[in-house]
Amino acid sequence: MAVIIKIQTGDRLKLKKPHPCGGSEFTVLRVGAQVRVVCATCQRDMTVDRIKLEKAIKQILPSGEESNEKGTNKSQ
C-alpha cells in the first residue's frame, strides 16, 4: 500500500527536477487530490496531481523553516 506524504499549506517543497525558470523550490497553496503550488523563483502558479508531485519531492521544508544551501542551522 502506498504511503501518503504529509504536505500542508505553506510548506516549501524542493523538487528533484528544476522548473524551466531554474528554480527548484515551490510553496504549497492548496492540498488535495491535486496540489496547487507556486514557484519561489518566477511566481508561476500551477496545479499538479498529488501522486505525480509526491514522486518528484526531494525535500519538504515545513512552513516557517527557511532553506539553507550551506546546511548550517541559524537557530543555534
PDB file of N, CA and C in Angstrom:
ATOM      1  N   MET A   1       0.843  -1.179   0.000  1.00  0.00           N
ATOM      2  CA  MET A   1       0.000   0.000   0.000  1.00  0.00           C
ATOM      3  C   MET A   1       0.881   1.232   0.000  1.00  0.00           C
ATOM      4  N   ALA A   2       0.499   2.232  -0.778  1.00  0.00           N
ATOM      5  CA  ALA A   2       1.280   3.453  -0.908  1.00  0.00           C
ATOM      6  C   ALA A   2       1.133   4.331   0.334  1.00  0.00           C
ATOM      7  N   VAL A   3       2.224   4.959   0.706  1.00  0.00           N
ATOM      8  CA  VAL A   3       2.228   5.857   1.852  1.00  0.00           C
ATOM      9  C   VAL A   3       1.971   7.280   1.356  1.00  0.00           C
ATOM     10  N   ILE A   4       1.047   7.969   1.990  1.00  0.00           N
ATOM     11  CA  ILE A   4       0.741   9.347   1.613  1.00  0.00           C
ATOM     12  C   ILE A   4       1.673  10.270   2.372  1.00  0.00           C
ATOM     13  N   ILE A   5       2.388  11.115   1.635  1.00  0.00           N
ATOM     14  CA  ILE A   5       3.299  12.073   2.250  1.00  0.00           C
ATOM     15  C   ILE A   5       2.480  13.219   2.809  1.00  0.00           C
ATOM     16  N   LYS A   6       2.777  13.625   4.034  1.00  0.00           N
ATOM     17  CA  LYS A   6       2.031  14.721   4.669  1.00  0.00           C
ATOM     18  C   LYS A   6       2.553  16.057   4.151  1.00  0.00           C
ATOM     19  N   ILE A   7       1.706  16.742   3.397  1.00  0.00           N
ATOM     20  CA  ILE A   7       2.018  18.062   2.857  1.00  0.00           C
ATOM     21  C   ILE A   7       0.961  19.005   3.404  1.00  0.00           C
ATOM     22  N   GLN A   8       1.381  20.164   3.889  1.00  0.00           N
ATOM     23  CA  GLN A   8       0.451  21.152   4.425  1.00  0.00           C
ATOM     24  C   GLN A   8       0.596  22.467   3.680  1.00  0.00           C
ATOM     25  N   THR A   9      -0.450  23.259   3.710  1.00  0.00           N
ATOM     26  CA  THR A   9      -0.416  24.580   3.109  1.00  0.00           C
ATOM     27  C   THR A   9       0.689  25.400   3.766  1.00  0.00           C
ATOM     28  N   GLY A  10       1.492  26.058   2.946  1.00  0.00           N
ATOM     29  CA  GLY A  10       2.589  26.878   3.457  1.00  0.00           C
ATOM     30  C   GLY A  10       3.934  26.174   3.432  1.00  0.00           C
ATOM     31  N   ASP A  11       3.936  24.840   3.275  1.00  0.00           N
ATOM     32  CA  ASP A  11       5.202  24.113   3.203  1.00  0.00           C
ATOM     33  C   ASP A  11       5.949  24.501   1.930  1.00  0.00           C
ATOM     34  N   ARG A  12       7.271  24.423   2.002  1.00  0.00           N
ATOM     35  CA  ARG A  12       8.099  24.651   0.818  1.00  0.00           C
ATOM     36  C   ARG A  12       8.648  23.304   0.382  1.00  0.00           C
ATOM     37  N   LEU A  13       8.500  23.010  -0.910  1.00  0.00           N
ATOM     38  CA  LEU A  13       8.935  21.738  -1.461  1.00  0.00           C
ATOM     39  C   LEU A  13      10.147  21.947  -2.344  1.00  0.00           C
ATOM     40  N   LYS A  14      11.157  21.136  -2.155  1.00  0.00           N
ATOM     41  CA  LYS A  14      12.317  21.128  -3.040  1.00  0.00           C
ATOM     42  C   LYS A  14      12.134  19.898  -3.915  1.00  0.00           C
ATOM     43  N   LEU A  15      12.072  20.108  -5.242  1.00  0.00           N
ATOM     44  CA  LEU A  15      11.820  19.011  -6.168  1.00  0.00           C
ATOM     45  C   LEU A  15      13.098  18.499  -6.812  1.00  0.00           C
ATOM     46  N   LYS A  16      13.041  17.272  -7.318  1.00  0.00           N
ATOM     47  CA  LYS A  16      14.204  16.635  -7.935  1.00  0.00           C
ATOM     48  C   LYS A  16      14.637  17.345  -9.212  1.00  0.00           C
ATOM     49  N   LYS A  17      13.663  17.732 -10.038  1.00  0.00           N
ATOM     50  CA  LYS A  17      13.977  18.411 -11.288  1.00  0.00           C
ATOM     51  C   LYS A  17      13.607  19.887 -11.168  1.00  0.00           C
ATOM     52  N   PRO A  18      14.441  20.778 -11.686  1.00  0.00           N
ATOM     53  CA  PRO A  18      14.116  22.211 -11.593  1.00  0.00           C
ATOM     54  C   PRO A  18      12.994  22.619 -12.557  1.00  0.00           C
ATOM     55  N   HIS A  19      12.334  23.701 -12.234  1.00  0.00           N
ATOM     56  CA  HIS A  19      11.332  24.324 -13.081  1.00  0.00           C
ATOM     57  C   HIS A  19      12.070  24.929 -14.278  1.00  0.00           C
ATOM     58  N   PRO A  20      11.427  25.136 -15.416  1.00  0.00           N
ATOM     59  CA  PRO A  20      12.116  25.724 -16.571  1.00  0.00           C
ATOM     60  C   PRO A  20      12.807  27.068 -16.286  1.00  0.00           C
ATOM     61  N   CYS A  21      12.347  27.796 -15.259  1.00  0.00           N
ATOM     62  CA  CYS A  21      12.978  29.076 -14.913  1.00  0.00           C
ATOM     63  C   CYS A  21      14.286  28.869 -14.157  1.00  0.00           C
ATOM     64  N   GLY A  22      14.539  27.634 -13.700  1.00  0.00           N
ATOM     65  CA  GLY A  22      15.767  27.332 -12.970  1.00  0.00           C
ATOM     66  C   GLY A  22      15.560  27.097 -11.489  1.00  0.00           C
ATOM     67  N   GLY A  23      14.410  27.468 -10.956  1.00  0.00           N
ATOM     68  CA  GLY A  23      14.129  27.293  -9.531  1.00  0.00           C
ATOM     69  C   GLY A  23      13.680  25.873  -9.223  1.00  0.00           C
ATOM     70  N   SER A  24      14.004  25.392  -8.027  1.00  0.00           N
ATOM     71  CA  SER A  24      13.579  24.040  -7.657  1.00  0.00           C
ATOM     72  C   SER A  24      12.762  24.037  -6.366  1.00  0.00           C
ATOM     73  N   GLU A  25      12.405  25.217  -5.846  1.00  0.00           N
ATOM     74  CA  GLU A  25      11.590  25.305  -4.631  1.00  0.00           C
ATOM     75  C   GLU A  25      10.209  25.856  -4.968  1.00  0.00           C
ATOM     76  N   PHE A  26       9.195  25.230  -4.331  1.00  0.00           N
ATOM     77  CA  PHE A  26       7.816  25.610  -4.559  1.00  0.00           C
ATOM     78  C   PHE A  26       7.101  25.743  -3.221  1.00  0.00           C
ATOM     79  N   THR A  27       6.144  26.667  -3.136  1.00  0.00           N
ATOM     80  CA  THR A  27       5.341  26.865  -1.939  1.00  0.00           C
ATOM     81  C   THR A  27       3.961  26.265  -2.182  1.00  0.00           C
ATOM     82  N   VAL A  28       3.457  25.503  -1.219  1.00  0.00           N
ATOM     83  CA  VAL A  28       2.148  24.844  -1.342  1.00  0.00           C
ATOM     84  C   VAL A  28       1.045  25.833  -0.982  1.00  0.00           C
ATOM     85  N   LEU A  29       0.071  25.989  -1.883  1.00  0.00           N
ATOM     86  CA  LEU A  29      -1.071  26.877  -1.642  1.00  0.00           C
ATOM     87  C   LEU A  29      -2.328  26.108  -1.252  1.00  0.00           C
ATOM     88  N   ARG A  30      -2.521  24.916  -1.852  1.00  0.00           N
ATOM     89  CA  ARG A  30      -3.725  24.124  -1.594  1.00  0.00           C
ATOM     90  C   ARG A  30      -3.364  22.653  -1.678  1.00  0.00           C
ATOM     91  N   VAL A  31      -3.960  21.853  -0.805  1.00  0.00           N
ATOM     92  CA  VAL A  31      -3.675  20.422  -0.759  1.00  0.00           C
ATOM     93  C   VAL A  31      -4.956  19.637  -0.979  1.00  0.00           C
ATOM     94  N   GLY A  32      -4.860  18.573  -1.732  1.00  0.00           N
ATOM     95  CA  GLY A  32      -5.995  17.687  -2.004  1.00  0.00           C
ATOM     96  C   GLY A  32      -5.535  16.620  -2.969  1.00  0.00           C
ATOM     97  N   ALA A  33      -6.438  16.119  -3.809  1.00  0.00           N
ATOM     98  CA  ALA A  33      -6.055  15.148  -4.831  1.00  0.00           C
ATOM     99  C   ALA A  33      -5.121  15.817  -5.836  1.00  0.00           C
ATOM    100  N   GLN A  34      -5.311  17.101  -6.010  1.00  0.00           N
ATOM    101  CA  GLN A  34      -4.395  17.930  -6.783  1.00  0.00           C
ATOM    102  C   GLN A  34      -3.830  18.981  -5.844  1.00  0.00           C
ATOM    103  N   VAL A  35      -2.546  19.264  -5.987  1.00  0.00           N
ATOM    104  CA  VAL A  35      -1.869  20.212  -5.107  1.00  0.00           C
ATOM    105  C   VAL A  35      -1.531  21.458  -5.914  1.00  0.00           C
ATOM    106  N   ARG A  36      -1.879  22.608  -5.367  1.00  0.00           N
ATOM    107  CA  ARG A  36      -1.582  23.879  -6.029  1.00  0.00           C
ATOM    108  C   ARG A  36      -0.300  24.441  -5.433  1.00  0.00           C
ATOM    109  N   VAL A  37       0.697  24.693  -6.280  1.00  0.00           N
ATOM    110  CA  VAL A  37       1.993  25.190  -5.834  1.00  0.00           C
ATOM    111  C   VAL A  37       2.386  26.427  -6.632  1.00  0.00           C
ATOM    112  N   VAL A  38       3.304  27.222  -6.042  1.00  0.00           N
ATOM    113  CA  VAL A  38       3.832  28.413  -6.704  1.00  0.00           C
ATOM    114  C   VAL A  38       5.351  28.303  -6.708  1.00  0.00           C
ATOM    115  N   CYS A  39       5.964  28.548  -7.855  1.00  0.00           N
ATOM    116  CA  CYS A  39       7.419  28.529  -7.963  1.00  0.00           C
ATOM    117  C   CYS A  39       7.974  29.711  -7.171  1.00  0.00           C
ATOM    118  N   ALA A  40       8.969  29.461  -6.327  1.00  0.00           N
ATOM    119  CA  ALA A  40       9.558  30.516  -5.494  1.00  0.00           C
ATOM    120  C   ALA A  40      10.395  31.491  -6.317  1.00  0.00           C
ATOM    121  N   THR A  41      10.854  31.080  -7.508  1.00  0.00           N
ATOM    122  CA  THR A  41      11.704  31.930  -8.332  1.00  0.00           C
ATOM    123  C   THR A  41      10.903  32.851  -9.251  1.00  0.00           C
ATOM    124  N   CYS A  42       9.996  32.262 -10.050  1.00  0.00           N
ATOM    125  CA  CYS A  42       9.274  33.061 -11.055  1.00  0.00           C
ATOM    126  C   CYS A  42       7.815  33.337 -10.695  1.00  0.00           C
ATOM    127  N   GLN A  43       7.348  32.811  -9.552  1.00  0.00           N
ATOM    128  CA  GLN A  43       5.976  33.007  -9.068  1.00  0.00           C
ATOM    129  C   GLN A  43       4.909  32.384  -9.971  1.00  0.00           C
ATOM    130  N   ARG A  44       5.279  31.393 -10.787  1.00  0.00           N
ATOM    131  CA  ARG A  44       4.306  30.691 -11.631  1.00  0.00           C
ATOM    132  C   ARG A  44       3.430  29.821 -10.743  1.00  0.00           C
ATOM    133  N   ASP A  45       2.127  29.908 -10.946  1.00  0.00           N
ATOM    134  CA  ASP A  45       1.142  29.168 -10.164  1.00  0.00           C
ATOM    135  C   ASP A  45       0.702  27.957 -10.986  1.00  0.00           C
ATOM    136  N   MET A  46       0.748  26.757 -10.385  1.00  0.00           N
ATOM    137  CA  MET A  46       0.343  25.568 -11.135  1.00  0.00           C
ATOM    138  C   MET A  46      -0.338  24.549 -10.233  1.00  0.00           C
ATOM    139  N   THR A  47      -1.135  23.707 -10.832  1.00  0.00           N
ATOM    140  CA  THR A  47      -1.818  22.634 -10.126  1.00  0.00           C
ATOM    141  C   THR A  47      -1.260  21.314 -10.650  1.00  0.00           C
ATOM    142  N   VAL A  48      -0.828  20.440  -9.719  1.00  0.00           N
ATOM    143  CA  VAL A  48      -0.190  19.180 -10.079  1.00  0.00           C
ATOM    144  C   VAL A  48      -0.918  18.047  -9.363  1.00  0.00           C
ATOM    145  N   ASP A  49      -1.086  16.907 -10.039  1.00  0.00           N
ATOM    146  CA  ASP A  49      -1.662  15.731  -9.384  1.00  0.00           C
ATOM    147  C   ASP A  49      -0.787  15.346  -8.200  1.00  0.00           C
ATOM    148  N   ARG A  50      -1.424  15.000  -7.102  1.00  0.00           N
ATOM    149  CA  ARG A  50      -0.690  14.690  -5.866  1.00  0.00           C
ATOM    150  C   ARG A  50       0.287  13.530  -6.056  1.00  0.00           C
ATOM    151  N   ILE A  51      -0.124  12.480  -6.756  1.00  0.00           N
ATOM    152  CA  ILE A  51       0.736  11.315  -6.963  1.00  0.00           C
ATOM    153  C   ILE A  51       1.992  11.709  -7.734  1.00  0.00           C
ATOM    154  N   LYS A  52       1.831  12.498  -8.775  1.00  0.00           N
ATOM    155  CA  LYS A  52       2.963  12.945  -9.581  1.00  0.00           C
ATOM    156  C   LYS A  52       3.896  13.832  -8.750  1.00  0.00           C
ATOM    157  N   LEU A  53       3.316  14.712  -7.944  1.00  0.00           N
ATOM    158  CA  LEU A  53       4.111  15.610  -7.109  1.00  0.00           C
ATOM    159  C   LEU A  53       4.878  14.843  -6.038  1.00  0.00           C
ATOM    160  N   GLU A  54       4.236  13.857  -5.398  1.00  0.00           N
ATOM    161  CA  GLU A  54       4.898  13.075  -4.349  1.00  0.00           C
ATOM    162  C   GLU A  54       6.129  12.348  -4.883  1.00  0.00           C
ATOM    163  N   LYS A  55       6.075  11.886  -6.121  1.00  0.00           N
ATOM    164  CA  LYS A  55       7.224  11.211  -6.726  1.00  0.00           C
ATOM    165  C   LYS A  55       8.362  12.189  -7.022  1.00  0.00           C
ATOM    166  N   ALA A  56       8.037  13.472  -7.216  1.00  0.00           N
ATOM    167  CA  ALA A  56       9.034  14.471  -7.585  1.00  0.00           C
ATOM    168  C   ALA A  56       9.667  15.184  -6.386  1.00  0.00           C
ATOM    169  N   ILE A  57       9.145  14.967  -5.180  1.00  0.00           N
ATOM    170  CA  ILE A  57       9.645  15.677  -4.000  1.00  0.00           C
ATOM    171  C   ILE A  57      10.992  15.119  -3.561  1.00  0.00           C
ATOM    172  N   LYS A  58      11.942  16.028  -3.361  1.00  0.00           N
ATOM    173  CA  LYS A  58      13.257  15.673  -2.834  1.00  0.00           C
ATOM    174  C   LYS A  58      13.311  15.962  -1.339  1.00  0.00           C
ATOM    175  N   GLN A  59      12.719  17.101  -0.924  1.00  0.00           N
ATOM    176  CA  GLN A  59      12.759  17.518   0.481  1.00  0.00           C
ATOM    177  C   GLN A  59      11.549  18.399   0.772  1.00  0.00           C
ATOM    178  N   ILE A  60      11.009  18.272   1.986  1.00  0.00           N
ATOM    179  CA  ILE A  60       9.910  19.132   2.430  1.00  0.00           C
ATOM    180  C   ILE A  60      10.438  20.030   3.533  1.00  0.00           C
ATOM    181  N   LEU A  61      10.308  21.346   3.340  1.00  0.00           N
ATOM    182  CA  LEU A  61      10.686  22.324   4.353  1.00  0.00           C
ATOM    183  C   LEU A  61       9.394  22.838   4.962  1.00  0.00           C
ATOM    184  N   PRO A  62       9.086  22.497   6.222  1.00  0.00           N
ATOM    185  CA  PRO A  62       7.839  22.948   6.836  1.00  0.00           C
ATOM    186  C   PRO A  62       7.723  24.474   6.823  1.00  0.00           C
ATOM    187  N   SER A  63       6.497  24.971   6.837  1.00  0.00           N
ATOM    188  CA  SER A  63       6.285  26.417   6.843  1.00  0.00           C
ATOM    189  C   SER A  63       6.991  27.030   8.043  1.00  0.00           C
ATOM    190  N   GLY A  64       7.663  28.139   7.823  1.00  0.00           N
ATOM    191  CA  GLY A  64       8.404  28.790   8.891  1.00  0.00           C
ATOM    192  C   GLY A  64       9.875  28.430   8.884  1.00  0.00           C
ATOM    193  N   GLU A  65      10.260  27.383   8.171  1.00  0.00           N
ATOM    194  CA  GLU A  65      11.666  26.984   8.092  1.00  0.00           C
ATOM    195  C   GLU A  65      12.214  27.434   6.742  1.00  0.00           C
ATOM    196  N   GLU A  66      13.290  28.189   6.747  1.00  0.00           N
ATOM    197  CA  GLU A  66      13.888  28.687   5.516  1.00  0.00           C
ATOM    198  C   GLU A  66      14.866  27.664   4.962  1.00  0.00           C
ATOM    199  N   SER A  67      15.021  27.644   3.632  1.00  0.00           N
ATOM    200  CA  SER A  67      16.015  26.749   3.045  1.00  0.00           C
ATOM    201  C   SER A  67      17.390  27.339   3.282  1.00  0.00           C
ATOM    202  N   ASN A  68      18.364  26.462   3.444  1.00  0.00           N
ATOM    203  CA  ASN A  68      19.713  26.910   3.721  1.00  0.00           C
ATOM    204  C   ASN A  68      20.663  26.035   2.926  1.00  0.00           C
ATOM    205  N   GLU A  69      21.273  26.585   1.895  1.00  0.00           N
ATOM    206  CA  GLU A  69      22.113  25.829   0.988  1.00  0.00           C
ATOM    207  C   GLU A  69      23.357  25.280   1.666  1.00  0.00           C
ATOM    208  N   LYS A  70      23.924  25.983   2.641  1.00  0.00           N
ATOM    209  CA  LYS A  70      25.168  25.566   3.276  1.00  0.00           C
ATOM    210  C   LYS A  70      24.961  24.492   4.327  1.00  0.00           C
ATOM    211  N   GLY A  71      23.742  24.284   4.781  1.00  0.00           N
ATOM    212  CA  GLY A  71      23.443  23.218   5.725  1.00  0.00           C
ATOM    213  C   GLY A  71      23.645  23.628   7.177  1.00  0.00           C
ATOM    214  N   THR A  72      23.884  24.903   7.450  1.00  0.00           N
ATOM    215  CA  THR A  72      24.022  25.341   8.827  1.00  0.00           C
ATOM    216  C   THR A  72      22.666  25.745   9.360  1.00  0.00           C
ATOM    217  N   ASN A  73      22.489  25.666  10.662  1.00  0.00           N
ATOM    218  CA  ASN A  73      21.222  25.984  11.287  1.00  0.00           C
ATOM    219  C   ASN A  73      21.313  27.372  11.921  1.00  0.00           C
ATOM    220  N   LYS A  74      20.481  28.304  11.500  1.00  0.00           N
ATOM    221  CA  LYS A  74      20.521  29.672  12.001  1.00  0.00           C
ATOM    222  C   LYS A  74      19.999  29.790  13.432  1.00  0.00           C
ATOM    223  N   SER A  75      19.210  28.820  13.897  1.00  0.00           N
ATOM    224  CA  SER A  75      18.613  28.929  15.223  1.00  0.00           C
ATOM    225  C   SER A  75      19.563  28.578  16.367  1.00  0.00           C
ATOM    226  N   GLN A  76      20.749  28.094  16.051  1.00  0.00           N
ATOM    227  CA  GLN A  76      21.696  27.716  17.110  1.00  0.00           C
ATOM    228  C   GLN A  76      22.501  28.897  17.575  1.00  0.00           C
TER     229      GLN A  76
END
